[in-house]
Amino acid sequence: MPGGRSLFRWLYLIGLGIIAVSLPTSYFGMSLGQFWVLGAWLLEGLQRRDLGHRFSMGFTTPAVLAFLGYLALHAIGLLWTENMGWGLDLCRILLPILLLGIVLSTSDPLSPKELRT
């Protein structure tokens, strides 16, 4: 691979690029990028045989715990809501944020060169 990066790193960076380009314009592109990043993360975890460690590490990161708490507050609030459809839709919208938080917190950080390009 060019630059010594693994195939999984390239897939991860392509997925992040899709998310960045689609952020202001396309719901479909955002969903595609999120699934792409999640797929690259899962494939890398399966190849390295550390998927269980990644999940356990992901749920102990303070940022992920904050997102999880925020989602839990909404889920608990569903007990008192009068509009269950809207509440479930809000939880559905917040779920990708939790998944991206887990994936981004357990992946290697972007290097300055990767941030510039």
PDB file of N, CA and C in Angstrom:
ATOM      1  N   MET A   1       0.837  -1.185   0.000  1.00  0.00           N
ATOM      2  CA  MET A   1       0.000   0.000   0.000  1.00  0.00           C
ATOM      3  C   MET A   1       0.883   1.250   0.000  1.00  0.00           C
ATOM      4  N   PRO A   2       0.455   2.314  -0.650  1.00  0.00           N
ATOM      5  CA  PRO A   2       1.236   3.544  -0.663  1.00  0.00           C
ATOM      6  C   PRO A   2       1.387   4.121   0.738  1.00  0.00           C
ATOM      7  N   GLY A   3       2.584   4.571   1.043  1.00  0.00           N
ATOM      8  CA  GLY A   3       2.821   5.215   2.336  1.00  0.00           C
ATOM      9  C   GLY A   3       2.873   4.243   3.491  1.00  0.00           C
ATOM     10  N   GLY A   4       2.801   2.949   3.240  1.00  0.00           N
ATOM     11  CA  GLY A   4       2.884   1.965   4.308  1.00  0.00           C
ATOM     12  C   GLY A   4       1.606   1.792   5.116  1.00  0.00           C
ATOM     13  N   ARG A   5       0.513   2.350   4.673  1.00  0.00           N
ATOM     14  CA  ARG A   5      -0.753   2.197   5.401  1.00  0.00           C
ATOM     15  C   ARG A   5      -1.435   0.901   4.984  1.00  0.00           C
ATOM     16  N   SER A   6      -2.179   0.348   5.892  1.00  0.00           N
ATOM     17  CA  SER A   6      -2.893  -0.890   5.578  1.00  0.00           C
ATOM     18  C   SER A   6      -4.146  -0.584   4.758  1.00  0.00           C
ATOM     19  N   LEU A   7      -4.671  -1.620   4.161  1.00  0.00           N
ATOM     20  CA  LEU A   7      -5.903  -1.495   3.384  1.00  0.00           C
ATOM     21  C   LEU A   7      -7.035  -0.975   4.261  1.00  0.00           C
ATOM     22  N   PHE A   8      -7.093  -1.441   5.504  1.00  0.00           N
ATOM     23  CA  PHE A   8      -8.168  -1.032   6.400  1.00  0.00           C
ATOM     24  C   PHE A   8      -8.074   0.454   6.731  1.00  0.00           C
ATOM     25  N   ARG A   9      -6.848   0.960   6.856  1.00  0.00           N
ATOM     26  CA  ARG A   9      -6.678   2.392   7.135  1.00  0.00           C
ATOM     27  C   ARG A   9      -7.182   3.212   5.953  1.00  0.00           C
ATOM     28  N   TRP A  10      -6.861   2.757   4.733  1.00  0.00           N
ATOM     29  CA  TRP A  10      -7.346   3.456   3.551  1.00  0.00           C
ATOM     30  C   TRP A  10      -8.870   3.422   3.478  1.00  0.00           C
ATOM     31  N   LEU A  11      -9.467   2.279   3.760  1.00  0.00           N
ATOM     32  CA  LEU A  11     -10.930   2.188   3.757  1.00  0.00           C
ATOM     33  C   LEU A  11     -11.534   3.125   4.792  1.00  0.00           C
ATOM     34  N   TYR A  12     -10.922   3.187   5.969  1.00  0.00           N
ATOM     35  CA  TYR A  12     -11.375   4.067   7.046  1.00  0.00           C
ATOM     36  C   TYR A  12     -11.299   5.530   6.604  1.00  0.00           C
ATOM     37  N   LEU A  13     -10.178   5.915   5.991  1.00  0.00           N
ATOM     38  CA  LEU A  13     -10.009   7.299   5.545  1.00  0.00           C
ATOM     39  C   LEU A  13     -10.975   7.647   4.422  1.00  0.00           C
ATOM     40  N   ILE A  14     -11.232   6.710   3.524  1.00  0.00           N
ATOM     41  CA  ILE A  14     -12.208   6.949   2.456  1.00  0.00           C
ATOM     42  C   ILE A  14     -13.596   7.163   3.056  1.00  0.00           C
ATOM     43  N   GLY A  15     -13.958   6.355   4.037  1.00  0.00           N
ATOM     44  CA  GLY A  15     -15.254   6.523   4.699  1.00  0.00           C
ATOM     45  C   GLY A  15     -15.372   7.869   5.393  1.00  0.00           C
ATOM     46  N   LEU A  16     -14.309   8.294   6.075  1.00  0.00           N
ATOM     47  CA  LEU A  16     -14.333   9.615   6.711  1.00  0.00           C
ATOM     48  C   LEU A  16     -14.444  10.722   5.668  1.00  0.00           C
ATOM     49  N   GLY A  17     -13.784  10.533   4.524  1.00  0.00           N
ATOM     50  CA  GLY A  17     -13.897  11.509   3.442  1.00  0.00           C
ATOM     51  C   GLY A  17     -15.310  11.589   2.896  1.00  0.00           C
ATOM     52  N   ILE A  18     -15.959  10.444   2.743  1.00  0.00           N
ATOM     53  CA  ILE A  18     -17.350  10.424   2.272  1.00  0.00           C
ATOM     54  C   ILE A  18     -18.240  11.174   3.259  1.00  0.00           C
ATOM     55  N   ILE A  19     -18.016  10.960   4.546  1.00  0.00           N
ATOM     56  CA  ILE A  19     -18.809  11.664   5.561  1.00  0.00           C
ATOM     57  C   ILE A  19     -18.564  13.163   5.476  1.00  0.00           C
ATOM     58  N   ALA A  20     -17.299  13.569   5.346  1.00  0.00           N
ATOM     59  CA  ALA A  20     -16.970  14.998   5.309  1.00  0.00           C
ATOM     60  C   ALA A  20     -17.576  15.686   4.089  1.00  0.00           C
ATOM     61  N   VAL A  21     -17.517  15.035   2.939  1.00  0.00           N
ATOM     62  CA  VAL A  21     -18.065  15.628   1.718  1.00  0.00           C
ATOM     63  C   VAL A  21     -19.591  15.660   1.766  1.00  0.00           C
ATOM     64  N   SER A  22     -20.200  14.634   2.344  1.00  0.00           N
ATOM     65  CA  SER A  22     -21.660  14.524   2.351  1.00  0.00           C
ATOM     66  C   SER A  22     -22.325  15.300   3.474  1.00  0.00           C
ATOM     67  N   LEU A  23     -21.557  15.726   4.444  1.00  0.00           N
ATOM     68  CA  LEU A  23     -22.134  16.375   5.626  1.00  0.00           C
ATOM     69  C   LEU A  23     -23.087  17.519   5.275  1.00  0.00           C
ATOM     70  N   PRO A  24     -22.705  18.460   4.412  1.00  0.00           N
ATOM     71  CA  PRO A  24     -23.643  19.557   4.151  1.00  0.00           C
ATOM     72  C   PRO A  24     -24.685  19.263   3.083  1.00  0.00           C
ATOM     73  N   THR A  25     -24.567  18.125   2.380  1.00  0.00           N
ATOM     74  CA  THR A  25     -25.419  17.973   1.208  1.00  0.00           C
ATOM     75  C   THR A  25     -26.306  16.738   1.162  1.00  0.00           C
ATOM     76  N   SER A  26     -25.897  15.617   1.732  1.00  0.00           N
ATOM     77  CA  SER A  26     -26.578  14.370   1.399  1.00  0.00           C
ATOM     78  C   SER A  26     -26.767  13.457   2.603  1.00  0.00           C
ATOM     79  N   TYR A  27     -28.019  13.124   2.903  1.00  0.00           N
ATOM     80  CA  TYR A  27     -28.303  12.132   3.939  1.00  0.00           C
ATOM     81  C   TYR A  27     -27.800  10.753   3.506  1.00  0.00           C
ATOM     82  N   PHE A  28     -28.008  10.431   2.226  1.00  0.00           N
ATOM     83  CA  PHE A  28     -27.564   9.132   1.727  1.00  0.00           C
ATOM     84  C   PHE A  28     -26.046   8.998   1.832  1.00  0.00           C
ATOM     85  N   GLY A  29     -25.328  10.044   1.453  1.00  0.00           N
ATOM     86  CA  GLY A  29     -23.872  10.012   1.539  1.00  0.00           C
ATOM     87  C   GLY A  29     -23.387   9.865   2.970  1.00  0.00           C
ATOM     88  N   MET A  30     -24.074  10.533   3.885  1.00  0.00           N
ATOM     89  CA  MET A  30     -23.709  10.398   5.299  1.00  0.00           C
ATOM     90  C   MET A  30     -23.909   8.962   5.765  1.00  0.00           C
ATOM     91  N   SER A  31     -25.033   8.375   5.413  1.00  0.00           N
ATOM     92  CA  SER A  31     -25.296   6.985   5.802  1.00  0.00           C
ATOM     93  C   SER A  31     -24.285   6.042   5.165  1.00  0.00           C
ATOM     94  N   LEU A  32     -23.993   6.261   3.900  1.00  0.00           N
ATOM     95  CA  LEU A  32     -23.012   5.434   3.210  1.00  0.00           C
ATOM     96  C   LEU A  32     -21.647   5.537   3.892  1.00  0.00           C
ATOM     97  N   GLY A  33     -21.225   6.754   4.218  1.00  0.00           N
ATOM     98  CA  GLY A  33     -19.944   6.949   4.889  1.00  0.00           C
ATOM     99  C   GLY A  33     -19.902   6.301   6.262  1.00  0.00           C
ATOM    100  N   GLN A  34     -20.996   6.392   6.997  1.00  0.00           N
ATOM    101  CA  GLN A  34     -21.043   5.774   8.327  1.00  0.00           C
ATOM    102  C   GLN A  34     -20.939   4.256   8.227  1.00  0.00           C
ATOM    103  N   PHE A  35     -21.672   3.656   7.292  1.00  0.00           N
ATOM    104  CA  PHE A  35     -21.581   2.207   7.111  1.00  0.00           C
ATOM    105  C   PHE A  35     -20.194   1.806   6.607  1.00  0.00           C
ATOM    106  N   TRP A  36     -19.602   2.638   5.759  1.00  0.00           N
ATOM    107  CA  TRP A  36     -18.265   2.363   5.232  1.00  0.00           C
ATOM    108  C   TRP A  36     -17.244   2.340   6.370  1.00  0.00           C
ATOM    109  N   VAL A  37     -17.281   3.365   7.226  1.00  0.00           N
ATOM    110  CA  VAL A  37     -16.346   3.442   8.354  1.00  0.00           C
ATOM    111  C   VAL A  37     -16.582   2.275   9.311  1.00  0.00           C
ATOM    112  N   LEU A  38     -17.834   1.982   9.610  1.00  0.00           N
ATOM    113  CA  LEU A  38     -18.146   0.865  10.500  1.00  0.00           C
ATOM    114  C   LEU A  38     -17.676  -0.463   9.901  1.00  0.00           C
ATOM    115  N   GLY A  39     -17.874  -0.638   8.598  1.00  0.00           N
ATOM    116  CA  GLY A  39     -17.418  -1.858   7.938  1.00  0.00           C
ATOM    117  C   GLY A  39     -15.906  -2.006   7.975  1.00  0.00           C
ATOM    118  N   ALA A  40     -15.178  -0.919   7.710  1.00  0.00           N
ATOM    119  CA  ALA A  40     -13.712  -0.968   7.764  1.00  0.00           C
ATOM    120  C   ALA A  40     -13.242  -1.284   9.174  1.00  0.00           C
ATOM    121  N   TRP A  41     -13.911  -0.713  10.165  1.00  0.00           N
ATOM    122  CA  TRP A  41     -13.555  -0.951  11.569  1.00  0.00           C
ATOM    123  C   TRP A  41     -13.797  -2.409  11.952  1.00  0.00           C
ATOM    124  N   LEU A  42     -14.937  -2.952  11.530  1.00  0.00           N
ATOM    125  CA  LEU A  42     -15.250  -4.353  11.824  1.00  0.00           C
ATOM    126  C   LEU A  42     -14.288  -5.306  11.115  1.00  0.00           C
ATOM    127  N   LEU A  43     -13.995  -5.033   9.834  1.00  0.00           N
ATOM    128  CA  LEU A  43     -13.073  -5.890   9.095  1.00  0.00           C
ATOM    129  C   LEU A  43     -11.678  -5.875   9.710  1.00  0.00           C
ATOM    130  N   GLU A  44     -11.224  -4.693  10.114  1.00  0.00           N
ATOM    131  CA  GLU A  44      -9.907  -4.608  10.748  1.00  0.00           C
ATOM    132  C   GLU A  44      -9.898  -5.356  12.076  1.00  0.00           C
ATOM    133  N   GLY A  45     -10.964  -5.237  12.836  1.00  0.00           N
ATOM    134  CA  GLY A  45     -11.057  -5.954  14.103  1.00  0.00           C
ATOM    135  C   GLY A  45     -11.079  -7.460  13.914  1.00  0.00           C
ATOM    136  N   LEU A  46     -11.787  -7.922  12.886  1.00  0.00           N
ATOM    137  CA  LEU A  46     -11.815  -9.358  12.598  1.00  0.00           C
ATOM    138  C   LEU A  46     -10.449  -9.852  12.134  1.00  0.00           C
ATOM    139  N   GLN A  47      -9.771  -9.053  11.309  1.00  0.00           N
ATOM    140  CA  GLN A  47      -8.469  -9.460  10.801  1.00  0.00           C
ATOM    141  C   GLN A  47      -7.429  -9.494  11.921  1.00  0.00           C
ATOM    142  N   ARG A  48      -7.491  -8.527  12.824  1.00  0.00           N
ATOM    143  CA  ARG A  48      -6.545  -8.481  13.948  1.00  0.00           C
ATOM    144  C   ARG A  48      -6.971  -9.386  15.103  1.00  0.00           C
ATOM    145  N   ARG A  49      -8.186  -9.892  15.039  1.00  0.00           N
ATOM    146  CA  ARG A  49      -8.766 -10.742  16.090  1.00  0.00           C
ATOM    147  C   ARG A  49      -8.839 -10.015  17.439  1.00  0.00           C
ATOM    148  N   ASP A  50      -9.192  -8.741  17.395  1.00  0.00           N
ATOM    149  CA  ASP A  50      -9.339  -7.976  18.638  1.00  0.00           C
ATOM    150  C   ASP A  50     -10.667  -7.220  18.690  1.00  0.00           C
ATOM    151  N   LEU A  51     -11.685  -7.774  18.047  1.00  0.00           N
ATOM    152  CA  LEU A  51     -12.982  -7.100  17.986  1.00  0.00           C
ATOM    153  C   LEU A  51     -13.613  -6.972  19.365  1.00  0.00           C
ATOM    154  N   GLY A  52     -13.532  -8.014  20.174  1.00  0.00           N
ATOM    155  CA  GLY A  52     -14.080  -7.944  21.532  1.00  0.00           C
ATOM    156  C   GLY A  52     -13.371  -6.895  22.368  1.00  0.00           C
ATOM    157  N   HIS A  53     -12.064  -6.810  22.215  1.00  0.00           N
ATOM    158  CA  HIS A  53     -11.296  -5.794  22.944  1.00  0.00           C
ATOM    159  C   HIS A  53     -11.697  -4.399  22.491  1.00  0.00           C
ATOM    160  N   ARG A  54     -11.937  -4.228  21.191  1.00  0.00           N
ATOM    161  CA  ARG A  54     -12.346  -2.918  20.676  1.00  0.00           C
ATOM    162  C   ARG A  54     -13.689  -2.489  21.275  1.00  0.00           C
ATOM    163  N   PHE A  55     -14.648  -3.429  21.336  1.00  0.00           N
ATOM    164  CA  PHE A  55     -15.946  -3.090  21.913  1.00  0.00           C
ATOM    165  C   PHE A  55     -15.817  -2.736  23.387  1.00  0.00           C
ATOM    166  N   SER A  56     -15.056  -3.529  24.133  1.00  0.00           N
ATOM    167  CA  SER A  56     -14.907  -3.234  25.567  1.00  0.00           C
ATOM    168  C   SER A  56     -14.157  -1.930  25.775  1.00  0.00           C
ATOM    169  N   MET A  57     -13.160  -1.648  24.948  1.00  0.00           N
ATOM    170  CA  MET A  57     -12.427  -0.392  25.055  1.00  0.00           C
ATOM    171  C   MET A  57     -13.328   0.785  24.666  1.00  0.00           C
ATOM    172  N   GLY A  58     -14.196   0.561  23.682  1.00  0.00           N
ATOM    173  CA  GLY A  58     -15.080   1.624  23.227  1.00  0.00           C
ATOM    174  C   GLY A  58     -16.080   2.061  24.276  1.00  0.00           C
ATOM    175  N   PHE A  59     -16.541   1.132  25.101  1.00  0.00           N
ATOM    176  CA  PHE A  59     -17.537   1.482  26.109  1.00  0.00           C
ATOM    177  C   PHE A  59     -16.923   1.962  27.412  1.00  0.00           C
ATOM    178  N   THR A  60     -15.605   2.089  27.474  1.00  0.00           N
ATOM    179  CA  THR A  60     -14.962   2.648  28.663  1.00  0.00           C
ATOM    180  C   THR A  60     -14.356   4.016  28.392  1.00  0.00           C
ATOM    181  N   THR A  61     -14.444   4.490  27.167  1.00  0.00           N
ATOM    182  CA  THR A  61     -13.936   5.810  26.816  1.00  0.00           C
ATOM    183  C   THR A  61     -14.897   6.868  27.351  1.00  0.00           C
ATOM    184  N   PRO A  62     -14.385   7.917  28.013  1.00  0.00           N
ATOM    185  CA  PRO A  62     -15.278   8.930  28.594  1.00  0.00           C
ATOM    186  C   PRO A  62     -16.215   9.588  27.579  1.00  0.00           C
ATOM    187  N   ALA A  63     -15.734   9.869  26.382  1.00  0.00           N
ATOM    188  CA  ALA A  63     -16.601  10.510  25.386  1.00  0.00           C
ATOM    189  C   ALA A  63     -17.754   9.593  24.991  1.00  0.00           C
ATOM    190  N   VAL A  64     -17.480   8.319  24.824  1.00  0.00           N
ATOM    191  CA  VAL A  64     -18.533   7.369  24.456  1.00  0.00           C
ATOM    192  C   VAL A  64     -19.518   7.210  25.603  1.00  0.00           C
ATOM    193  N   LEU A  65     -19.016   7.194  26.825  1.00  0.00           N
ATOM    194  CA  LEU A  65     -19.914   7.101  27.979  1.00  0.00           C
ATOM    195  C   LEU A  65     -20.825   8.324  28.065  1.00  0.00           C
ATOM    196  N   ALA A  66     -20.312   9.501  27.690  1.00  0.00           N
ATOM    197  CA  ALA A  66     -21.153  10.701  27.676  1.00  0.00           C
ATOM    198  C   ALA A  66     -22.262  10.562  26.633  1.00  0.00           C
ATOM    199  N   PHE A  67     -21.918  10.097  25.429  1.00  0.00           N
ATOM    200  CA  PHE A  67     -22.934   9.875  24.398  1.00  0.00           C
ATOM    201  C   PHE A  67     -23.936   8.815  24.830  1.00  0.00           C
ATOM    202  N   LEU A  68     -23.441   7.763  25.465  1.00  0.00           N
ATOM    203  CA  LEU A  68     -24.313   6.693  25.942  1.00  0.00           C
ATOM    204  C   LEU A  68     -25.270   7.212  27.014  1.00  0.00           C
ATOM    205  N   GLY A  69     -24.768   8.061  27.901  1.00  0.00           N
ATOM    206  CA  GLY A  69     -25.627   8.667  28.919  1.00  0.00           C
ATOM    207  C   GLY A  69     -26.689   9.559  28.301  1.00  0.00           C
ATOM    208  N   TYR A  70     -26.301  10.320  27.272  1.00  0.00           N
ATOM    209  CA  TYR A  70     -27.244  11.191  26.576  1.00  0.00           C
ATOM    210  C   TYR A  70     -28.343  10.366  25.908  1.00  0.00           C
ATOM    211  N   LEU A  71     -27.955   9.268  25.270  1.00  0.00           N
ATOM    212  CA  LEU A  71     -28.940   8.384  24.647  1.00  0.00           C
ATOM    213  C   LEU A  71     -29.809   7.712  25.703  1.00  0.00           C
ATOM    214  N   ALA A  72     -29.221   7.353  26.845  1.00  0.00           N
ATOM    215  CA  ALA A  72     -29.982   6.722  27.927  1.00  0.00           C
ATOM    216  C   ALA A  72     -31.018   7.689  28.499  1.00  0.00           C
ATOM    217  N   LEU A  73     -30.662   8.970  28.601  1.00  0.00           N
ATOM    218  CA  LEU A  73     -31.636   9.961  29.073  1.00  0.00           C
ATOM    219  C   LEU A  73     -32.851  10.025  28.150  1.00  0.00           C
ATOM    220  N   HIS A  74     -32.591   9.981  26.847  1.00  0.00           N
ATOM    221  CA  HIS A  74     -33.713   9.991  25.902  1.00  0.00           C
ATOM    222  C   HIS A  74     -34.538   8.713  26.018  1.00  0.00           C
ATOM    223  N   ALA A  75     -33.873   7.588  26.185  1.00  0.00           N
ATOM    224  CA  ALA A  75     -34.596   6.314  26.316  1.00  0.00           C
ATOM    225  C   ALA A  75     -35.439   6.292  27.590  1.00  0.00           C
ATOM    226  N   ILE A  76     -34.902   6.811  28.684  1.00  0.00           N
ATOM    227  CA  ILE A  76     -35.669   6.886  29.936  1.00  0.00           C
ATOM    228  C   ILE A  76     -36.833   7.856  29.785  1.00  0.00           C
ATOM    229  N   GLY A  77     -36.603   8.943  29.062  1.00  0.00           N
ATOM    230  CA  GLY A  77     -37.661   9.917  28.825  1.00  0.00           C
ATOM    231  C   GLY A  77     -38.828   9.353  28.041  1.00  0.00           C
ATOM    232  N   LEU A  78     -38.603   8.264  27.311  1.00  0.00           N
ATOM    233  CA  LEU A  78     -39.698   7.635  26.571  1.00  0.00           C
ATOM    234  C   LEU A  78     -40.774   7.091  27.499  1.00  0.00           C
ATOM    235  N   LEU A  79     -40.422   6.844  28.753  1.00  0.00           N
ATOM    236  CA  LEU A  79     -41.416   6.343  29.704  1.00  0.00           C
ATOM    237  C   LEU A  79     -42.499   7.383  29.995  1.00  0.00           C
ATOM    238  N   TRP A  80     -42.164   8.678  29.840  1.00  0.00           N
ATOM    239  CA  TRP A  80     -43.112   9.738  30.182  1.00  0.00           C
ATOM    240  C   TRP A  80     -43.594  10.529  28.974  1.00  0.00           C
ATOM    241  N   THR A  81     -43.242  10.088  27.784  1.00  0.00           N
ATOM    242  CA  THR A  81     -43.605  10.872  26.616  1.00  0.00           C
ATOM    243  C   THR A  81     -45.058  10.625  26.203  1.00  0.00           C
ATOM    244  N   GLU A  82     -45.638  11.639  25.606  1.00  0.00           N
ATOM    245  CA  GLU A  82     -46.972  11.503  25.034  1.00  0.00           C
ATOM    246  C   GLU A  82     -46.889  11.195  23.541  1.00  0.00           C
ATOM    247  N   ASN A  83     -45.731  11.435  22.950  1.00  0.00           N
ATOM    248  CA  ASN A  83     -45.543  11.210  21.521  1.00  0.00           C
ATOM    249  C   ASN A  83     -44.431  10.178  21.331  1.00  0.00           C
ATOM    250  N   MET A  84     -44.772   8.918  21.447  1.00  0.00           N
ATOM    251  CA  MET A  84     -43.793   7.833  21.386  1.00  0.00           C
ATOM    252  C   MET A  84     -43.111   7.762  20.019  1.00  0.00           C
ATOM    253  N   GLY A  85     -43.838   8.052  18.958  1.00  0.00           N
ATOM    254  CA  GLY A  85     -43.255   8.005  17.614  1.00  0.00           C
ATOM    255  C   GLY A  85     -42.102   8.975  17.464  1.00  0.00           C
ATOM    256  N   TRP A  86     -42.297  10.203  17.931  1.00  0.00           N
ATOM    257  CA  TRP A  86     -41.245  11.209  17.849  1.00  0.00           C
ATOM    258  C   TRP A  86     -40.062  10.825  18.733  1.00  0.00           C
ATOM    259  N   GLY A  87     -40.330  10.299  19.914  1.00  0.00           N
ATOM    260  CA  GLY A  87     -39.256   9.904  20.823  1.00  0.00           C
ATOM    261  C   GLY A  87     -38.416   8.767  20.264  1.00  0.00           C
ATOM    262  N   LEU A  88     -39.060   7.771  19.674  1.00  0.00           N
ATOM    263  CA  LEU A  88     -38.320   6.665  19.063  1.00  0.00           C
ATOM    264  C   LEU A  88     -37.539   7.136  17.842  1.00  0.00           C
ATOM    265  N   ASP A  89     -38.113   8.071  17.089  1.00  0.00           N
ATOM    266  CA  ASP A  89     -37.407   8.621  15.938  1.00  0.00           C
ATOM    267  C   ASP A  89     -36.160   9.377  16.389  1.00  0.00           C
ATOM    268  N   LEU A  90     -36.253  10.097  17.493  1.00  0.00           N
ATOM    269  CA  LEU A  90     -35.098  10.814  18.026  1.00  0.00           C
ATOM    270  C   LEU A  90     -34.009   9.839  18.463  1.00  0.00           C
ATOM    271  N   CYS A  91     -34.391   8.750  19.095  1.00  0.00           N
ATOM    272  CA  CYS A  91     -33.401   7.723  19.482  1.00  0.00           C
ATOM    273  C   CYS A  91     -32.765   7.092  18.247  1.00  0.00           C
ATOM    274  N   ARG A  92     -33.544   6.896  17.196  1.00  0.00           N
ATOM    275  CA  ARG A  92     -33.006   6.348  15.947  1.00  0.00           C
ATOM    276  C   ARG A  92     -31.990   7.302  15.325  1.00  0.00           C
ATOM    277  N   ILE A  93     -32.256   8.598  15.420  1.00  0.00           N
ATOM    278  CA  ILE A  93     -31.341   9.593  14.869  1.00  0.00           C
ATOM    279  C   ILE A  93     -30.051   9.657  15.685  1.00  0.00           C
ATOM    280  N   LEU A  94     -30.152   9.479  17.002  1.00  0.00           N
ATOM    281  CA  LEU A  94     -28.973   9.577  17.867  1.00  0.00           C
ATOM    282  C   LEU A  94     -28.105   8.322  17.856  1.00  0.00           C
ATOM    283  N   LEU A  95     -28.626   7.190  17.433  1.00  0.00           N
ATOM    284  CA  LEU A  95     -27.865   5.940  17.459  1.00  0.00           C
ATOM    285  C   LEU A  95     -26.586   5.982  16.619  1.00  0.00           C
ATOM    286  N   PRO A  96     -26.586   6.546  15.395  1.00  0.00           N
ATOM    287  CA  PRO A  96     -25.322   6.610  14.644  1.00  0.00           C
ATOM    288  C   PRO A  96     -24.249   7.444  15.347  1.00  0.00           C
ATOM    289  N   ILE A  97     -24.648   8.423  16.133  1.00  0.00           N
ATOM    290  CA  ILE A  97     -23.667   9.217  16.869  1.00  0.00           C
ATOM    291  C   ILE A  97     -22.944   8.336  17.874  1.00  0.00           C
ATOM    292  N   LEU A  98     -23.674   7.470  18.532  1.00  0.00           N
ATOM    293  CA  LEU A  98     -23.054   6.543  19.482  1.00  0.00           C
ATOM    294  C   LEU A  98     -22.110   5.588  18.765  1.00  0.00           C
ATOM    295  N   LEU A  99     -22.557   5.024  17.643  1.00  0.00           N
ATOM    296  CA  LEU A  99     -21.716   4.082  16.902  1.00  0.00           C
ATOM    297  C   LEU A  99     -20.457   4.758  16.375  1.00  0.00           C
ATOM    298  N   LEU A 100     -20.594   5.961  15.824  1.00  0.00           N
ATOM    299  CA  LEU A 100     -19.412   6.671  15.346  1.00  0.00           C
ATOM    300  C   LEU A 100     -18.487   7.026  16.499  1.00  0.00           C
ATOM    301  N   GLY A 101     -19.045   7.347  17.647  1.00  0.00           N
ATOM    302  CA  GLY A 101     -18.205   7.633  18.812  1.00  0.00           C
ATOM    303  C   GLY A 101     -17.368   6.435  19.211  1.00  0.00           C
ATOM    304  N   ILE A 102     -17.970   5.254  19.185  1.00  0.00           N
ATOM    305  CA  ILE A 102     -17.230   4.029  19.520  1.00  0.00           C
ATOM    306  C   ILE A 102     -16.146   3.766  18.484  1.00  0.00           C
ATOM    307  N   VAL A 103     -16.500   3.878  17.214  1.00  0.00           N
ATOM    308  CA  VAL A 103     -15.535   3.593  16.150  1.00  0.00           C
ATOM    309  C   VAL A 103     -14.386   4.598  16.179  1.00  0.00           C
ATOM    310  N   LEU A 104     -14.700   5.879  16.282  1.00  0.00           N
ATOM    311  CA  LEU A 104     -13.648   6.897  16.254  1.00  0.00           C
ATOM    312  C   LEU A 104     -12.773   6.854  17.496  1.00  0.00           C
ATOM    313  N   SER A 105     -13.337   6.499  18.635  1.00  0.00           N
ATOM    314  CA  SER A 105     -12.531   6.480  19.855  1.00  0.00           C
ATOM    315  C   SER A 105     -11.628   5.257  19.943  1.00  0.00           C
ATOM    316  N   THR A 106     -11.952   4.182  19.240  1.00  0.00           N
ATOM    317  CA  THR A 106     -11.116   2.981  19.295  1.00  0.00           C
ATOM    318  C   THR A 106     -10.198   2.845  18.089  1.00  0.00           C
ATOM    319  N   SER A 107     -10.313   3.744  17.120  1.00  0.00           N
ATOM    320  CA  SER A 107      -9.417   3.724  15.965  1.00  0.00           C
ATOM    321  C   SER A 107      -8.192   4.575  16.261  1.00  0.00           C
ATOM    322  N   ASP A 108      -7.134   4.324  15.496  1.00  0.00           N
ATOM    323  CA  ASP A 108      -5.936   5.147  15.644  1.00  0.00           C
ATOM    324  C   ASP A 108      -6.267   6.581  15.254  1.00  0.00           C
ATOM    325  N   PRO A 109      -5.717   7.577  15.976  1.00  0.00           N
ATOM    326  CA  PRO A 109      -6.001   8.966  15.625  1.00  0.00           C
ATOM    327  C   PRO A 109      -5.415   9.321  14.258  1.00  0.00           C
ATOM    328  N   LEU A 110      -6.013  10.313  13.630  1.00  0.00           N
ATOM    329  CA  LEU A 110      -5.514  10.767  12.339  1.00  0.00           C
ATOM    330  C   LEU A 110      -4.193  11.502  12.533  1.00  0.00           C
ATOM    331  N   SER A 111      -3.257  11.232  11.643  1.00  0.00           N
ATOM    332  CA  SER A 111      -1.969  11.924  11.706  1.00  0.00           C
ATOM    333  C   SER A 111      -2.139  13.331  11.133  1.00  0.00           C
ATOM    334  N   PRO A 112      -1.210  14.254  11.428  1.00  0.00           N
ATOM    335  CA  PRO A 112      -1.313  15.597  10.838  1.00  0.00           C
ATOM    336  C   PRO A 112      -1.343  15.564   9.311  1.00  0.00           C
ATOM    337  N   LYS A 113      -0.600  14.640   8.710  1.00  0.00           N
ATOM    338  CA  LYS A 113      -0.609  14.529   7.249  1.00  0.00           C
ATOM    339  C   LYS A 113      -1.979  14.089   6.751  1.00  0.00           C
ATOM    340  N   GLU A 114      -2.614  13.155   7.448  1.00  0.00           N
ATOM    341  CA  GLU A 114      -3.946  12.693   7.043  1.00  0.00           C
ATOM    342  C   GLU A 114      -4.980  13.795   7.215  1.00  0.00           C
ATOM    343  N   LEU A 115      -4.805  14.644   8.199  1.00  0.00           N
ATOM    344  CA  LEU A 115      -5.741  15.750   8.395  1.00  0.00           C
ATOM    345  C   LEU A 115      -5.608  16.799   7.297  1.00  0.00           C
ATOM    346  N   ARG A 116      -4.408  16.998   6.795  1.00  0.00           N
ATOM    347  CA  ARG A 116      -4.181  18.007   5.761  1.00  0.00           C
ATOM    348  C   ARG A 116      -4.677  17.562   4.395  1.00  0.00           C
ATOM    349  N   THR A 117      -4.677  16.255   4.135  1.00  0.00           N
ATOM    350  CA  THR A 117      -5.017  15.795   2.785  1.00  0.00           C
ATOM    351  C   THR A 117      -6.432  15.335   2.668  1.00  0.00           C
TER     352      THR A 117
END
